[in-house]
């Protein structure tokens, strides 16, 4: 049986942790940063955890994660 292909778009966006949770980088930290508070920018720097249903979808696109 041939290897399954990974969706490259998903591989660039998501990372699966050791416990099986799916991490992602939060949006909104690329430009127009002057009007955003330091607290807001700091919170955006931290990685987010996908909700269970979204994580299930992401894992179908990452067969070997």
Protein backbone atom coordinates (compact mmCIF):
# COMPACT_ATOMS: atom_id res chain seq x y z
CA UNK A 1 0.00 0.00 0.00
CA UNK A 2 1.42 3.43 -0.90
CA UNK A 3 2.18 6.09 1.66
CA UNK A 4 -0.58 8.55 2.47
CA UNK A 5 0.07 12.15 1.49
CA UNK A 6 0.09 14.97 4.03
CA UNK A 7 -1.79 18.16 3.23
CA UNK A 8 1.12 20.57 3.09
CA UNK A 9 -1.04 23.58 3.95
CA UNK A 10 -2.08 21.87 7.20
CA UNK A 11 1.49 20.78 7.98
CA UNK A 12 2.63 24.40 7.79
CA UNK A 13 -0.15 25.62 10.09
CA UNK A 14 -0.55 22.92 12.75
CA UNK A 15 1.70 20.97 15.08
CA UNK A 16 0.54 17.96 17.11
CA UNK A 17 1.80 17.76 20.70
CA UNK A 18 2.86 14.59 22.50
CA UNK A 19 -0.53 14.30 24.20
CA UNK A 20 -2.35 14.61 20.87
CA UNK A 21 -3.49 18.23 21.07
CA UNK A 22 -3.15 20.41 17.99
CA UNK A 23 -1.28 23.71 18.34
CA UNK A 24 -1.44 26.66 15.95
CA UNK A 25 -0.01 30.17 15.71
CA UNK A 26 -2.55 32.90 16.39
CA UNK A 27 -3.38 35.39 13.66
CA UNK A 28 -3.12 39.17 13.89
CA UNK A 29 0.57 39.72 14.60
CA UNK A 30 1.89 40.50 11.11
CA UNK A 31 1.14 44.19 10.57
CA UNK A 32 -0.74 47.20 11.99
CA UNK A 33 0.83 46.54 15.39
CA UNK A 34 0.97 50.17 16.56
CA UNK A 35 -2.67 50.32 17.63
CA UNK A 36 -2.53 46.98 19.47
CA UNK A 37 -1.67 46.99 23.17
CA UNK A 38 1.39 45.17 24.53
CA UNK A 39 -0.87 42.81 26.45
CA UNK A 40 -2.79 41.93 23.30
CA UNK A 41 0.41 41.37 21.30
CA UNK A 42 1.83 39.20 24.08
CA UNK A 43 -1.28 37.04 24.12
CA UNK A 44 -1.10 36.66 20.34
CA UNK A 45 2.50 35.42 20.60
CA UNK A 46 1.45 32.35 22.57
CA UNK A 47 0.34 29.31 20.57
CA UNK A 48 -3.32 28.34 20.67
CA UNK A 49 -4.90 24.91 21.07
CA UNK A 50 -7.54 23.84 18.57
CA UNK A 51 -10.97 22.79 19.81
CA UNK A 52 -11.68 19.04 19.73
CA UNK A 53 -13.80 19.09 16.57
CA UNK A 54 -11.33 21.29 14.69
CA UNK A 55 -8.43 19.14 15.91
CA UNK A 56 -10.14 16.05 14.53
CA UNK A 57 -10.36 17.72 11.10
CA UNK A 58 -6.73 18.82 11.25
CA UNK A 59 -5.56 15.32 12.13
CA UNK A 60 -7.28 13.86 9.08
CA UNK A 61 -5.08 16.16 6.97
CA UNK A 62 -1.97 15.08 8.91
CA UNK A 63 -2.03 11.27 8.68
CA UNK A 64 1.37 10.72 10.33
CA UNK A 65 1.07 13.31 13.12
